[in-house]
Amino acid sequence: MILPSEFIPISEESTLINDLGAWVVNRTCHEFKGLIDKGFPPVKVAINISANQFRNPNELLDIIGAALESSGLPGELLQLELTESVMIDDVQETIAIIEKLKKKKISFAIDDFGTGYSSLSYLKVFPVDIIKIDQSFIQDVEHDRSNSTIIGAITMMAHELGFRVLAEGVETDQQLENLQGHSCDYVQGHLYAQAMPGDELFLSLIHISEPTRPY
C-alpha cells in the first residue's frame, strides 16, 4: 500500500499527475454513478484537483465534462476540492475556471484551510461553497483551547460569509462534540469510516442523522 502523501508529490514533479488526475475524475464519476444506480443515496462525491491540472484549464474542462457526460452523473453531485496554493496560483484564471464549472452545477471546496496562505481577502472573491478545516486543528481539540478557538473563529467567519464548514480528520466522539458546539456543518474521518472500495462502502452503508453530518 502506497499512500497519496508518497506518490502524489512524485507525480507532481512530472506531467504524470495530469494523467493520474484525468483517470481519477473519470473513474470516480463512473463508479459513483454505478453506486447510485444500485441504490446508494445521491450525496456529493468529492475529487481533489491539483495545481498542475488547473494550469491546463481547457484540458481540465474537457476531462470533467466528458466524465460527467459518459457516466451520466449529475453535476450537482460532484464537488471539486482545491488547496489554497492552487487558488492563488493565478487568481483570475482560477475564478474563470470555477465559474465555468459552476454552470454545470459543480460545487467547490477549499481543502486543508488554515495551513496554507489563508489570505482572508481571497475568500471574498473565490466562488466556493465549503471551507474544509485542516485536520491539524482537529487533533487534540478536546484538550487544546487554542485549536478550539481557531475552529470556532473559522466556522463563525465562514458562516458569516455564506460558506459551509467541514472538519477533516475527526476520530473521536469528543472531537465531534466539540465541533458540534461550534456549529460545524460536516465532518469526515475515521470516526465514521476509513478509506474503502466502493462496493464495501455500499455494503456498510448506515444512516447517521444530523446535526453535524458525515461527509
Protein backbone atom coordinates (compact mmCIF):
# COMPACT_ATOMS: atom_id res chain seq x y z
CA MET A 1 0.00 0.00 0.00
CA ILE A 2 1.43 3.35 -1.09
CA LEU A 3 -0.25 6.39 0.46
CA PRO A 4 -1.18 9.52 -1.55
CA SER A 5 1.27 11.55 0.56
CA GLU A 6 4.03 9.46 -1.01
CA PHE A 7 3.06 9.13 -4.67
CA ILE A 8 1.31 12.45 -5.36
CA PRO A 9 4.41 14.67 -4.76
CA ILE A 10 6.39 12.38 -7.05
CA SER A 11 3.65 12.52 -9.69
CA GLU A 12 3.55 16.31 -9.49
CA GLU A 13 7.22 16.51 -10.42
CA SER A 14 6.25 15.39 -13.91
CA THR A 15 3.19 15.50 -16.17
CA LEU A 16 2.10 12.15 -14.74
CA ILE A 17 -0.17 13.98 -12.28
CA ASN A 18 -2.31 15.15 -15.22
CA ASP A 19 -2.83 11.58 -16.46
CA LEU A 20 -3.49 10.41 -12.91
CA GLY A 21 -5.92 13.26 -12.30
CA ALA A 22 -7.83 12.53 -15.51
CA TRP A 23 -8.11 8.85 -14.56
CA VAL A 24 -9.38 9.71 -11.07
CA VAL A 25 -12.06 12.09 -12.40
CA ASN A 26 -13.32 9.58 -14.94
CA ARG A 27 -13.18 6.57 -12.61
CA THR A 28 -14.87 8.44 -9.75
CA CYS A 29 -17.78 9.67 -11.85
CA HIS A 30 -18.45 6.25 -13.36
CA GLU A 31 -18.05 4.27 -10.13
CA PHE A 32 -20.15 6.66 -8.07
CA LYS A 33 -22.93 6.73 -10.69
CA GLY A 34 -22.86 2.91 -10.55
CA LEU A 35 -23.36 3.00 -6.78
CA ILE A 36 -26.26 5.43 -7.11
CA ASP A 37 -27.89 3.20 -9.71
CA LYS A 38 -27.73 0.35 -7.16
CA GLY A 39 -29.47 2.44 -4.51
CA PHE A 40 -26.73 4.49 -2.85
CA PRO A 41 -28.09 7.87 -1.67
CA PRO A 42 -27.42 10.75 -4.10
CA VAL A 43 -24.92 12.64 -1.93
CA LYS A 44 -21.95 14.57 -3.25
CA VAL A 45 -18.69 12.88 -4.20
CA ALA A 46 -15.52 14.97 -3.82
CA ILE A 47 -12.41 14.92 -6.01
CA ASN A 48 -9.14 16.74 -5.28
CA ILE A 49 -7.75 18.75 -8.19
CA SER A 50 -4.03 19.52 -8.36
CA ALA A 51 -2.36 22.79 -9.30
CA ASN A 52 -0.93 21.14 -12.42
CA GLN A 53 -4.41 20.32 -13.68
CA PHE A 54 -5.51 23.92 -13.20
CA ARG A 55 -2.57 25.08 -15.32
CA ASN A 56 -4.23 23.29 -18.25
CA PRO A 57 -7.74 24.74 -17.97
CA ASN A 58 -9.10 23.67 -21.36
CA GLU A 59 -7.94 20.11 -20.81
CA LEU A 60 -9.41 20.07 -17.29
CA LEU A 61 -12.77 21.39 -18.52
CA ASP A 62 -12.85 18.75 -21.27
CA ILE A 63 -11.98 15.93 -18.87
CA ILE A 64 -14.65 16.85 -16.34
CA GLY A 65 -17.29 17.47 -18.99
CA ALA A 66 -16.57 14.16 -20.72
CA ALA A 67 -16.61 12.24 -17.43
CA LEU A 68 -19.98 13.67 -16.43
CA GLU A 69 -21.47 13.04 -19.85
CA SER A 70 -20.19 9.49 -20.30
CA SER A 71 -21.08 8.43 -16.75
CA GLY A 72 -24.43 10.20 -16.52
CA LEU A 73 -23.51 11.61 -13.10
CA PRO A 74 -25.38 14.89 -12.47
CA GLY A 75 -23.05 17.85 -11.98
CA GLU A 76 -24.72 18.80 -8.70
CA LEU A 77 -23.41 15.56 -7.16
CA LEU A 78 -19.77 16.43 -7.92
CA GLN A 79 -17.57 18.57 -5.69
CA LEU A 80 -14.04 19.64 -6.62
CA GLU A 81 -11.57 20.38 -3.84
CA LEU A 82 -8.74 22.88 -4.23
CA THR A 83 -5.91 23.75 -1.88
CA GLU A 84 -5.19 27.38 -1.10
CA SER A 85 -1.94 27.23 -3.10
CA VAL A 86 -3.88 26.13 -6.21
CA MET A 87 -6.28 29.03 -5.85
CA ILE A 88 -3.68 31.79 -5.64
CA ASP A 89 -1.52 30.45 -8.47
CA ASP A 90 -3.43 32.60 -10.95
CA VAL A 91 -6.38 34.18 -9.20
CA GLN A 92 -8.32 35.45 -12.21
CA GLU A 93 -7.78 32.27 -14.23
CA THR A 94 -8.84 30.13 -11.28
CA ILE A 95 -12.02 32.17 -10.78
CA ALA A 96 -12.83 31.88 -14.50
CA ILE A 97 -12.44 28.08 -14.43
CA ILE A 98 -14.54 27.74 -11.27
CA GLU A 99 -17.33 29.86 -12.77
CA LYS A 100 -17.38 27.77 -15.95
CA LEU A 101 -17.64 24.55 -13.96
CA LYS A 102 -20.30 26.02 -11.69
CA LYS A 103 -22.51 26.33 -14.77
CA LYS A 104 -22.60 22.53 -14.63
CA LYS A 105 -23.82 22.86 -11.02
CA ILE A 106 -20.49 21.54 -9.67
CA SER A 107 -19.63 22.78 -6.16
CA PHE A 108 -16.19 23.72 -4.80
CA ALA A 109 -14.35 23.42 -1.51
CA ILE A 110 -11.15 24.94 -0.16
CA ASP A 111 -9.19 21.96 1.18
CA ASP A 112 -6.83 21.99 4.20
CA PHE A 113 -7.88 25.52 5.16
CA GLY A 114 -5.59 27.16 7.70
CA THR A 115 -2.30 25.53 6.70
CA GLY A 116 -1.54 27.48 3.53
CA TYR A 117 -1.68 31.14 2.72
CA SER A 118 -5.10 31.65 4.32
CA SER A 119 -5.45 35.17 2.97
CA LEU A 120 -8.89 36.28 4.06
CA SER A 121 -9.13 38.59 1.05
CA TYR A 122 -9.32 35.56 -1.24
CA LEU A 123 -12.46 34.34 0.49
CA LYS A 124 -14.28 37.41 -0.83
CA VAL A 125 -13.55 36.68 -4.48
CA PHE A 126 -13.47 32.90 -4.93
CA PRO A 127 -16.93 31.44 -5.67
CA VAL A 128 -16.52 28.38 -3.45
CA ASP A 129 -19.12 26.65 -1.29
CA ILE A 130 -17.30 24.87 1.54
CA ILE A 131 -14.24 25.51 3.68
CA LYS A 132 -12.54 22.37 4.99
CA ILE A 133 -10.68 22.92 8.26
CA ASP A 134 -7.37 21.07 8.20
CA GLN A 135 -7.11 18.05 10.48
CA SER A 136 -4.11 19.53 12.30
CA PHE A 137 -6.59 21.80 14.14
CA ILE A 138 -8.89 18.88 14.97
CA GLN A 139 -6.25 16.71 16.62
CA ASP A 140 -6.31 17.14 20.39
CA VAL A 141 -9.00 19.82 20.07
CA GLU A 142 -10.72 18.50 23.18
CA HIS A 143 -7.60 19.39 25.20
CA ASP A 144 -6.11 22.31 23.25
CA ARG A 145 -8.08 25.51 23.81
CA SER A 146 -6.16 27.31 21.07
CA ASN A 147 -7.25 24.81 18.43
CA SER A 148 -10.82 25.01 19.66
CA THR A 149 -10.73 28.80 19.47
CA ILE A 150 -9.34 28.71 15.92
CA ILE A 151 -12.05 26.27 14.83
CA GLY A 152 -14.71 28.47 16.36
CA ALA A 153 -13.33 31.58 14.65
CA ILE A 154 -13.06 29.90 11.24
CA THR A 155 -16.58 28.49 11.50
CA MET A 156 -18.13 31.78 12.57
CA MET A 157 -16.31 33.72 9.84
CA ALA A 158 -17.22 31.17 7.17
CA HIS A 159 -20.89 31.19 8.10
CA GLU A 160 -20.98 34.98 8.06
CA LEU A 161 -19.52 34.88 4.53
CA GLY A 162 -22.06 32.30 3.41
CA PHE A 163 -19.81 29.23 3.37
CA ARG A 164 -20.45 25.85 4.93
CA VAL A 165 -17.71 24.28 7.06
CA LEU A 166 -16.32 20.75 7.08
CA ALA A 167 -13.83 19.43 9.65
CA GLU A 168 -11.26 16.89 8.46
CA GLY A 169 -9.69 14.03 10.39
CA VAL A 170 -12.37 13.50 13.04
CA GLU A 171 -11.55 10.36 15.01
CA THR A 172 -13.22 10.60 18.43
CA ASP A 173 -16.62 11.36 19.91
CA GLN A 174 -15.02 14.15 21.94
CA GLN A 175 -13.79 15.86 18.78
CA LEU A 176 -17.24 15.51 17.23
CA GLU A 177 -18.89 17.01 20.30
CA ASN A 178 -16.51 19.98 20.22
CA LEU A 179 -17.25 20.59 16.53
CA GLN A 180 -20.98 20.37 17.12
CA GLY A 181 -20.54 23.01 19.79
CA HIS A 182 -19.06 25.30 17.14
CA SER A 183 -21.95 24.56 14.72
CA CYS A 184 -19.66 22.86 12.22
CA ASP A 185 -21.78 21.69 9.27
CA TYR A 186 -19.99 18.48 8.25
CA VAL A 187 -17.25 16.17 9.48
CA GLN A 188 -15.16 13.47 7.87
CA GLY A 189 -12.72 11.00 9.33
CA HIS A 190 -12.14 7.57 10.82
CA LEU A 191 -14.84 8.12 13.43
CA TYR A 192 -17.26 7.14 10.67
CA ALA A 193 -15.17 5.12 8.23
CA GLN A 194 -11.72 4.56 6.82
CA ALA A 195 -11.00 4.55 3.11
CA MET A 196 -12.55 1.54 1.36
CA PRO A 197 -13.55 0.30 -2.11
CA GLY A 198 -16.90 1.46 -3.44
CA ASP A 199 -18.53 -1.95 -3.09
CA GLU A 200 -17.59 -2.11 0.59
CA LEU A 201 -18.94 1.39 1.12
CA PHE A 202 -22.26 0.34 -0.37
CA LEU A 203 -22.48 -2.74 1.86
CA SER A 204 -21.53 -0.84 5.01
CA LEU A 205 -23.97 2.00 4.41
CA ILE A 206 -25.77 3.07 7.57
CA HIS A 207 -27.97 6.06 8.31
CA ILE A 208 -26.40 8.75 10.52
CA SER A 209 -28.71 11.61 11.43
CA GLU A 210 -27.98 15.30 11.76
CA PRO A 211 -26.66 17.54 13.31
CA THR A 212 -23.09 17.70 12.02
CA ARG A 213 -23.40 15.25 9.19
CA PRO A 214 -20.63 13.00 7.94
CA TYR A 215 -19.35 13.88 4.50
